[in-house]
Every structure is written in structure tokens, then in C-alpha cells.
């Protein structure tokens, strides 16, 4: 399944470093790490957008360390 997909690397990845790769199939977004391409996560575009928005916001002000 994943061999015929067009995987795109993160623009933050370095040429020789491990990175996150994305592919789109239908309405789903697939994610994998380049160092373990057999493990693939599947999500929707909306869920990925929400996840990225939370990451960009940073940790909540009153959240305990490590959460």
C-alpha cells in the first residue's frame, strides 16, 4: 500500500536526518517516520490541522511539565 504513494518529507528535515513524511490518499493523510516506514498513521486533514495548531500554540500555561 505505501510503496506506490507519493511521500513528502518535512521541509524541516535534513538530507541525512530522520524525518516525518506525509502522503495523501483520498480524504486521508498518512504519516510515517523515515527511519521506520512500515509504521503508518492515518488521520483526516481536519484532525492533522487541529494537531498542528495545538503544536504551534505551545504548552498550556498551567500544564504540568512533561504533558
N, C-alpha and C. Protein backbone atom coordinates (compact mmCIF):
# COMPACT_ATOMS: atom_id res chain seq x y z
N UNK A 1 0.82 -1.20 0.00
CA UNK A 1 0.00 0.00 0.00
C UNK A 1 0.86 1.26 0.00
N UNK A 2 1.88 1.36 0.86
CA UNK A 2 2.64 2.60 1.00
C UNK A 2 3.71 2.76 -0.08
N UNK A 3 4.06 1.71 -0.80
CA UNK A 3 5.13 1.79 -1.79
C UNK A 3 4.73 2.67 -2.97
N UNK A 4 3.47 2.67 -3.39
CA UNK A 4 3.04 3.42 -4.56
C UNK A 4 2.61 4.85 -4.23
N UNK A 5 2.63 5.24 -2.99
CA UNK A 5 2.23 6.58 -2.60
C UNK A 5 3.36 7.58 -2.83
N UNK A 6 3.00 8.82 -3.00
CA UNK A 6 3.98 9.89 -3.14
C UNK A 6 4.21 10.52 -1.78
N UNK A 7 5.28 10.11 -1.10
CA UNK A 7 5.58 10.61 0.24
C UNK A 7 6.36 11.91 0.13
N UNK A 8 6.01 12.88 0.97
CA UNK A 8 6.70 14.17 1.01
C UNK A 8 7.36 14.34 2.37
N UNK A 9 8.62 14.76 2.35
CA UNK A 9 9.35 14.98 3.60
C UNK A 9 9.07 16.38 4.12
N UNK A 10 9.20 16.52 5.41
CA UNK A 10 9.07 17.81 6.06
C UNK A 10 10.16 18.75 5.55
N UNK A 11 9.82 20.02 5.40
CA UNK A 11 10.82 20.99 4.97
C UNK A 11 11.85 21.26 6.08
N UNK A 12 11.56 20.83 7.30
CA UNK A 12 12.50 21.00 8.40
C UNK A 12 13.50 19.86 8.50
N UNK A 13 13.32 18.80 7.74
CA UNK A 13 14.23 17.67 7.82
C UNK A 13 15.51 17.96 7.05
N UNK A 14 16.57 17.34 7.50
CA UNK A 14 17.85 17.48 6.82
C UNK A 14 18.02 16.31 5.87
N UNK A 15 18.93 16.44 4.93
CA UNK A 15 19.14 15.41 3.92
C UNK A 15 19.40 14.04 4.53
N UNK A 16 20.18 13.96 5.58
CA UNK A 16 20.55 12.67 6.15
C UNK A 16 19.82 12.35 7.45
N UNK A 17 19.03 13.27 7.93
CA UNK A 17 18.35 13.06 9.20
C UNK A 17 17.02 12.35 9.04
N UNK A 18 16.56 11.75 10.11
CA UNK A 18 15.24 11.14 10.11
C UNK A 18 14.19 12.24 10.08
N UNK A 19 13.08 11.95 9.45
CA UNK A 19 12.08 12.99 9.34
C UNK A 19 10.69 12.39 9.26
N UNK A 20 9.71 13.27 9.37
CA UNK A 20 8.31 12.89 9.20
C UNK A 20 7.98 13.03 7.72
N UNK A 21 7.25 12.06 7.20
CA UNK A 21 6.82 12.09 5.80
C UNK A 21 5.29 12.01 5.75
N UNK A 22 4.70 12.70 4.79
CA UNK A 22 3.25 12.72 4.62
C UNK A 22 2.88 12.24 3.22
N UNK A 23 1.73 11.60 3.14
CA UNK A 23 1.14 11.24 1.85
C UNK A 23 -0.36 11.41 1.98
N UNK A 24 -1.01 11.70 0.87
CA UNK A 24 -2.45 11.88 0.85
C UNK A 24 -3.06 10.78 -0.02
N UNK A 25 -4.10 10.16 0.51
CA UNK A 25 -4.83 9.15 -0.25
C UNK A 25 -6.32 9.39 0.01
N UNK A 26 -7.03 9.76 -1.04
CA UNK A 26 -8.44 10.11 -0.87
C UNK A 26 -8.56 11.29 0.08
N UNK A 27 -9.39 11.18 1.08
CA UNK A 27 -9.56 12.23 2.08
C UNK A 27 -8.70 12.06 3.30
N UNK A 28 -7.79 11.08 3.27
CA UNK A 28 -6.95 10.78 4.44
C UNK A 28 -5.52 11.27 4.25
N UNK A 29 -4.88 11.57 5.37
CA UNK A 29 -3.47 11.92 5.39
C UNK A 29 -2.74 10.80 6.11
N UNK A 30 -1.66 10.31 5.51
CA UNK A 30 -0.84 9.27 6.12
C UNK A 30 0.45 9.90 6.59
N UNK A 31 0.93 9.48 7.76
CA UNK A 31 2.17 9.98 8.33
C UNK A 31 3.06 8.81 8.69
N UNK A 32 4.36 8.98 8.51
CA UNK A 32 5.33 7.96 8.92
C UNK A 32 6.67 8.63 9.21
N UNK A 33 7.51 7.92 9.93
CA UNK A 33 8.88 8.36 10.16
C UNK A 33 9.76 7.69 9.13
N UNK A 34 10.71 8.42 8.59
CA UNK A 34 11.55 7.86 7.54
C UNK A 34 12.40 6.69 8.04
N UNK A 35 12.73 6.66 9.33
CA UNK A 35 13.55 5.57 9.85
C UNK A 35 12.74 4.32 10.18
N UNK A 36 11.40 4.39 10.11
CA UNK A 36 10.54 3.24 10.35
C UNK A 36 9.32 3.35 9.43
N UNK A 37 9.52 3.23 8.11
CA UNK A 37 8.44 3.49 7.17
C UNK A 37 7.30 2.47 7.17
N UNK A 38 7.48 1.34 7.84
CA UNK A 38 6.43 0.34 7.88
C UNK A 38 5.29 0.74 8.82
N UNK A 39 5.55 1.64 9.76
CA UNK A 39 4.53 2.10 10.70
C UNK A 39 3.92 3.38 10.13
N UNK A 40 2.64 3.31 9.80
CA UNK A 40 1.95 4.43 9.17
C UNK A 40 0.72 4.81 9.99
N UNK A 41 0.60 6.09 10.29
CA UNK A 41 -0.58 6.61 10.98
C UNK A 41 -1.50 7.24 9.95
N UNK A 42 -2.80 7.08 10.15
CA UNK A 42 -3.80 7.63 9.23
C UNK A 42 -4.71 8.58 9.99
N UNK A 43 -4.95 9.75 9.42
CA UNK A 43 -5.83 10.72 10.04
C UNK A 43 -6.53 11.53 8.95
N UNK A 44 -7.41 12.40 9.36
CA UNK A 44 -8.08 13.29 8.40
C UNK A 44 -7.29 14.59 8.29
N UNK A 45 -7.54 15.33 7.24
CA UNK A 45 -6.90 16.64 7.08
C UNK A 45 -7.29 17.57 8.22
N UNK A 46 -8.55 17.52 8.62
CA UNK A 46 -9.02 18.39 9.71
C UNK A 46 -8.33 18.05 11.03
N UNK A 47 -8.20 16.76 11.33
CA UNK A 47 -7.53 16.37 12.58
C UNK A 47 -6.05 16.74 12.55
N UNK A 48 -5.40 16.60 11.42
CA UNK A 48 -3.99 16.98 11.32
C UNK A 48 -3.85 18.49 11.49
N UNK A 49 -4.74 19.26 10.88
CA UNK A 49 -4.69 20.72 11.02
C UNK A 49 -4.87 21.13 12.48
N UNK A 50 -5.81 20.49 13.18
CA UNK A 50 -6.01 20.78 14.61
C UNK A 50 -4.78 20.44 15.42
N UNK A 51 -4.18 19.29 15.15
CA UNK A 51 -2.97 18.86 15.85
C UNK A 51 -1.83 19.86 15.64
N UNK A 52 -1.62 20.29 14.40
CA UNK A 52 -0.55 21.24 14.11
C UNK A 52 -0.80 22.59 14.77
N UNK A 53 -2.07 23.00 14.84
CA UNK A 53 -2.39 24.26 15.50
C UNK A 53 -2.05 24.20 16.99
N UNK A 54 -2.34 23.09 17.64
CA UNK A 54 -2.01 22.92 19.05
C UNK A 54 -0.50 22.94 19.26
N UNK A 55 0.24 22.29 18.37
CA UNK A 55 1.71 22.28 18.49
C UNK A 55 2.26 23.71 18.36
N UNK A 56 1.75 24.45 17.41
CA UNK A 56 2.23 25.82 17.20
C UNK A 56 1.94 26.73 18.40
N UNK A 57 0.86 26.46 19.12
CA UNK A 57 0.49 27.27 20.28
C UNK A 57 1.43 27.05 21.45
N UNK A 58 2.07 25.91 21.52
CA UNK A 58 2.95 25.61 22.63
C UNK A 58 2.18 25.06 23.81
N UNK A 59 2.89 24.74 24.89
CA UNK A 59 2.23 24.15 26.06
C UNK A 59 1.27 25.14 26.73
N UNK A 60 0.23 24.59 27.32
CA UNK A 60 -0.72 25.41 28.07
C UNK A 60 0.00 26.01 29.26
N UNK A 61 -0.42 27.19 29.69
CA UNK A 61 0.27 27.90 30.77
C UNK A 61 0.30 27.14 32.09
N UNK A 62 -0.77 26.44 32.43
CA UNK A 62 -0.84 25.76 33.72
C UNK A 62 -0.66 24.25 33.61
N UNK A 63 -0.14 23.77 32.48
CA UNK A 63 0.03 22.33 32.35
C UNK A 63 1.30 21.89 33.06
N UNK A 64 1.27 20.72 33.72
CA UNK A 64 2.45 20.23 34.40
C UNK A 64 3.54 19.87 33.41
N UNK A 65 4.81 19.91 33.82
CA UNK A 65 5.90 19.54 32.92
C UNK A 65 5.73 18.12 32.39
N UNK A 66 6.10 17.92 31.13
CA UNK A 66 6.01 16.59 30.53
C UNK A 66 4.64 16.26 29.96
N UNK A 67 3.73 17.20 29.96
CA UNK A 67 2.39 16.94 29.41
C UNK A 67 2.11 17.83 28.25
